[in-house]
Amino acid sequence: MKDSICKNAPIIPISAQMKYNIDGILEALCEIPIPARRLDVPPRMIIIRSFDVNKPGAEIDTLKGGVVGGSILEGVLELGMEV
């Protein structure tokens, strides 16, 4: 891992089955800084999955669109906004 972006990441030995050092994981998670929320900029989203809700062979006038899932990195989505 010395040549990866994880080279300075902590290594926390645990055993989930034996419930050893689970509190160490929780403490490490609590130390991750919360990023500043930028709500005054246009929304930016990372999309990690998408779903087509239309039936195969659907006619153009019956298309309903799709569904995307991911995380909004900055900004705010508002009702009626074109995405």
Protein backbone atom coordinates (compact mmCIF):
# COMPACT_ATOMS: atom_id res chain seq x y z
CA MET A 1 0.00 0.00 0.00
CA LYS A 2 3.04 2.28 0.20
CA ASP A 3 2.53 3.51 -3.38
CA SER A 4 -1.23 4.06 -3.13
CA ILE A 5 -3.39 6.87 -1.81
CA CYS A 6 -3.88 4.72 1.28
CA LYS A 7 -0.21 4.87 2.29
CA ASN A 8 -0.94 7.06 5.36
CA ALA A 9 -4.23 5.39 6.31
CA PRO A 10 -4.40 3.85 9.77
CA ILE A 11 -4.47 0.07 10.06
CA ILE A 12 -6.92 -1.01 12.74
CA PRO A 13 -6.81 -4.70 13.61
CA ILE A 14 -10.27 -6.07 14.45
CA SER A 15 -12.24 -9.26 14.75
CA ALA A 16 -15.91 -8.73 14.02
CA GLN A 17 -16.76 -12.29 15.06
CA MET A 18 -15.02 -11.91 18.43
CA LYS A 19 -16.10 -8.25 18.69
CA TYR A 20 -12.51 -7.14 19.31
CA ASN A 21 -11.61 -3.49 18.71
CA ILE A 22 -14.94 -2.48 17.16
CA ASP A 23 -14.71 0.65 19.32
CA GLY A 24 -11.42 1.44 17.56
CA ILE A 25 -13.24 1.48 14.22
CA LEU A 26 -15.93 3.77 15.64
CA GLU A 27 -13.32 6.16 17.05
CA ALA A 28 -11.50 6.28 13.70
CA LEU A 29 -14.77 7.01 11.88
CA CYS A 30 -15.53 9.86 14.28
CA GLU A 31 -12.15 11.45 13.51
CA ILE A 32 -12.91 11.80 9.79
CA PRO A 33 -13.51 15.51 9.20
CA ILE A 34 -16.92 16.50 7.89
CA PRO A 35 -16.49 18.38 4.60
CA ALA A 36 -17.81 21.93 4.36
CA ARG A 37 -21.27 22.06 2.82
CA ARG A 38 -21.44 24.36 -0.21
CA LEU A 39 -25.13 25.11 -0.71
CA ASP A 40 -24.68 28.32 -2.72
CA VAL A 41 -23.31 26.65 -5.89
CA PRO A 42 -25.08 24.70 -8.65
CA PRO A 43 -25.73 21.08 -7.68
CA ARG A 44 -23.10 18.49 -8.56
CA MET A 45 -23.82 14.79 -8.13
CA ILE A 46 -21.74 11.67 -8.52
CA ILE A 47 -23.96 8.96 -10.01
CA ILE A 48 -23.07 5.40 -9.01
CA ARG A 49 -26.07 3.52 -10.41
CA SER A 50 -29.03 4.03 -12.70
CA PHE A 51 -32.25 2.17 -13.38
CA ASP A 52 -34.53 2.22 -16.41
CA VAL A 53 -38.16 2.12 -15.32
CA ASN A 54 -39.53 1.73 -18.85
CA LYS A 55 -40.70 -1.61 -20.14
CA PRO A 56 -38.73 -3.04 -23.09
CA GLY A 57 -40.21 -1.89 -26.38
CA ALA A 58 -42.15 1.00 -24.82
CA GLU A 59 -43.37 3.64 -27.27
CA ILE A 60 -41.89 7.15 -27.06
CA ASP A 61 -45.12 8.71 -25.77
CA THR A 62 -45.21 6.27 -22.82
CA LEU A 63 -41.60 6.71 -21.66
CA LYS A 64 -41.38 7.67 -18.00
CA GLY A 65 -37.61 8.25 -17.62
CA GLY A 66 -35.25 6.60 -15.19
CA VAL A 67 -33.90 6.64 -11.68
CA VAL A 68 -30.35 7.50 -10.62
CA GLY A 69 -28.65 6.90 -7.30
CA GLY A 70 -25.56 8.53 -5.87
CA SER A 71 -24.42 11.42 -3.70
CA ILE A 72 -24.92 15.14 -4.07
CA LEU A 73 -21.42 16.53 -3.58
CA GLU A 74 -22.40 20.19 -3.41
CA GLY A 75 -25.36 22.44 -4.06
CA VAL A 76 -29.06 21.74 -3.56
CA LEU A 77 -31.65 20.11 -5.81
CA GLU A 78 -34.92 22.02 -5.87
CA LEU A 79 -38.41 21.02 -6.95
CA GLY A 80 -38.91 21.64 -10.67
CA MET A 81 -35.17 21.84 -11.42
CA GLU A 82 -34.12 20.28 -14.72
CA VAL A 83 -31.44 17.63 -14.25
